[in-house]
Amino acid sequence: MGIRLLGSIEDDNYTIIQFLLSGGRYILAIFLRCHFASIVTHEANKTKMYLCNFLMKHNDPQLTEQIKIILQQMSSGTTSFQLCGLVNLDNSLFLSTMLALVGYFIIILQSYMSEVDSEN
């Protein structure tokens, strides 16, 4: 006997739609967090480039010294957001999460379809 995840066959259309819509909210939350973290990381890297260009164009000694200090601090490490030091929070995390979700959804769908076939 197959795994019964969703109730009776008559209610399945509504249940499947409800299941997909409730999961969509979490997918959207993961996407927004990953996307915004990726944008902020990209902007921080662009700031380093802008400061280097500004440093080459201006000759004010006091300003040049301050920009050099800021660039040294920014260059000491990479700019990225991490989740507890385990993974980087960026678009690649969202892609791997989506691939895992699609894989699990296919497994659940196959299990459900084999149960429907066995009832007919």
Protein backbone atom coordinates (compact mmCIF):
# COMPACT_ATOMS: atom_id res chain seq x y z
CA MET A 1 0.00 0.00 0.00
CA GLY A 2 1.30 3.45 -0.91
CA ILE A 3 1.79 6.42 1.37
CA ARG A 4 -1.40 8.42 1.91
CA LEU A 5 -0.39 12.07 2.10
CA LEU A 6 -3.41 13.96 0.96
CA GLY A 7 -6.84 12.65 1.98
CA SER A 8 -9.50 11.25 -0.36
CA ILE A 9 -9.26 11.43 -4.14
CA GLU A 10 -12.27 13.77 -4.39
CA ASP A 11 -10.54 16.38 -2.22
CA ASP A 12 -7.13 15.94 -3.84
CA ASN A 13 -7.37 18.78 -6.37
CA TYR A 14 -8.10 21.34 -3.67
CA THR A 15 -5.54 19.82 -1.29
CA ILE A 16 -2.76 19.79 -3.88
CA ILE A 17 -3.41 23.44 -4.79
CA GLN A 18 -3.48 24.41 -1.11
CA PHE A 19 -0.24 22.50 -0.50
CA LEU A 20 1.52 24.22 -3.40
CA LEU A 21 0.34 27.70 -2.44
CA SER A 22 1.38 27.35 1.19
CA GLY A 23 4.83 26.15 0.09
CA GLY A 24 5.13 29.07 -2.32
CA ARG A 25 5.21 31.49 0.60
CA TYR A 26 8.32 29.83 2.01
CA ILE A 27 9.97 29.66 -1.40
CA LEU A 28 9.38 33.38 -1.84
CA ALA A 29 10.89 34.11 1.59
CA ILE A 30 14.02 32.09 0.77
CA PHE A 31 14.31 33.78 -2.64
CA LEU A 32 14.02 37.29 -1.20
CA ARG A 33 16.61 36.68 1.50
CA CYS A 34 19.09 35.11 -0.92
CA HIS A 35 18.52 37.73 -3.60
CA PHE A 36 18.90 40.72 -1.26
CA ALA A 37 22.03 39.25 0.33
CA SER A 38 23.48 38.73 -3.15
CA ILE A 39 22.67 42.34 -4.13
CA VAL A 40 24.26 43.74 -0.96
CA THR A 41 27.39 41.64 -1.48
CA HIS A 42 27.67 42.86 -5.07
CA GLU A 43 27.23 46.50 -3.99
CA ALA A 44 29.92 46.13 -1.31
CA ASN A 45 32.33 44.82 -3.92
CA LYS A 46 31.45 47.72 -6.22
CA THR A 47 32.17 50.13 -3.35
CA LYS A 48 35.75 48.83 -3.18
CA MET A 49 36.12 49.54 -6.89
CA TYR A 50 34.68 53.05 -6.56
CA LEU A 51 37.03 53.86 -3.69
CA CYS A 52 40.04 52.69 -5.70
CA ASN A 53 38.99 54.86 -8.65
CA PHE A 54 38.40 57.83 -6.35
CA LEU A 55 41.82 57.30 -4.78
CA MET A 56 43.52 57.46 -8.20
CA LYS A 57 41.77 60.68 -9.23
CA HIS A 58 42.20 62.83 -6.10
CA ASN A 59 45.39 64.05 -4.48
CA ASP A 60 44.20 65.28 -1.08
CA PRO A 61 46.66 63.64 1.38
CA GLN A 62 44.26 63.48 4.33
CA LEU A 63 41.43 62.01 2.25
CA THR A 64 43.82 59.61 0.53
CA GLU A 65 45.03 58.28 3.88
CA GLN A 66 41.46 57.72 5.11
CA ILE A 67 40.47 55.93 1.91
CA LYS A 68 43.56 53.70 2.16
CA ILE A 69 42.56 52.72 5.71
CA ILE A 70 39.02 51.90 4.58
CA LEU A 71 40.30 49.87 1.64
CA GLN A 72 42.66 47.91 3.90
CA GLN A 73 39.77 47.07 6.21
CA MET A 74 37.55 46.06 3.30
CA SER A 75 40.29 43.99 1.66
CA SER A 76 41.08 41.99 4.79
CA GLY A 77 38.19 39.60 4.14
CA THR A 78 35.56 38.69 1.65
CA THR A 79 32.18 40.32 1.82
CA SER A 80 29.42 37.73 2.11
CA PHE A 81 26.50 36.74 4.28
CA GLN A 82 26.67 33.34 5.92
CA LEU A 83 24.19 31.20 7.80
CA CYS A 84 25.92 30.17 11.03
CA GLY A 85 29.17 29.89 9.08
CA LEU A 86 27.83 26.89 7.13
CA VAL A 87 26.71 28.26 3.77
CA ASN A 88 26.87 31.56 1.95
CA LEU A 89 23.53 33.28 1.61
CA ASP A 90 23.36 34.05 -2.12
CA ASN A 91 21.61 32.99 -5.31
CA SER A 92 23.39 29.62 -5.41
CA LEU A 93 21.76 28.68 -2.10
CA PHE A 94 18.35 29.47 -3.57
CA LEU A 95 19.09 27.38 -6.66
CA SER A 96 20.19 24.36 -4.62
CA THR A 97 17.13 24.71 -2.36
CA MET A 98 14.84 24.80 -5.39
CA LEU A 99 16.51 21.75 -6.92
CA ALA A 100 16.02 19.82 -3.69
CA LEU A 101 12.37 20.91 -3.48
CA VAL A 102 11.67 19.86 -7.05
CA GLY A 103 13.30 16.49 -6.42
CA TYR A 104 11.22 15.86 -3.31
CA PHE A 105 8.08 17.02 -5.07
CA ILE A 106 8.70 14.54 -7.91
CA ILE A 107 9.15 11.72 -5.37
CA ILE A 108 5.88 12.63 -3.63
CA LEU A 109 4.07 12.93 -6.96
CA GLN A 110 5.33 9.52 -8.10
CA SER A 111 4.22 7.97 -4.83
CA TYR A 112 0.80 9.56 -5.19
CA MET A 113 0.42 8.50 -8.82
CA SER A 114 1.37 4.89 -8.02
CA GLU A 115 -1.31 4.88 -5.31
CA VAL A 116 -3.93 6.26 -7.70
CA ASP A 117 -2.96 3.63 -10.31
CA SER A 118 -3.23 0.83 -7.75
CA GLU A 119 -6.76 1.95 -6.78
CA ASN A 120 -7.91 1.79 -10.43
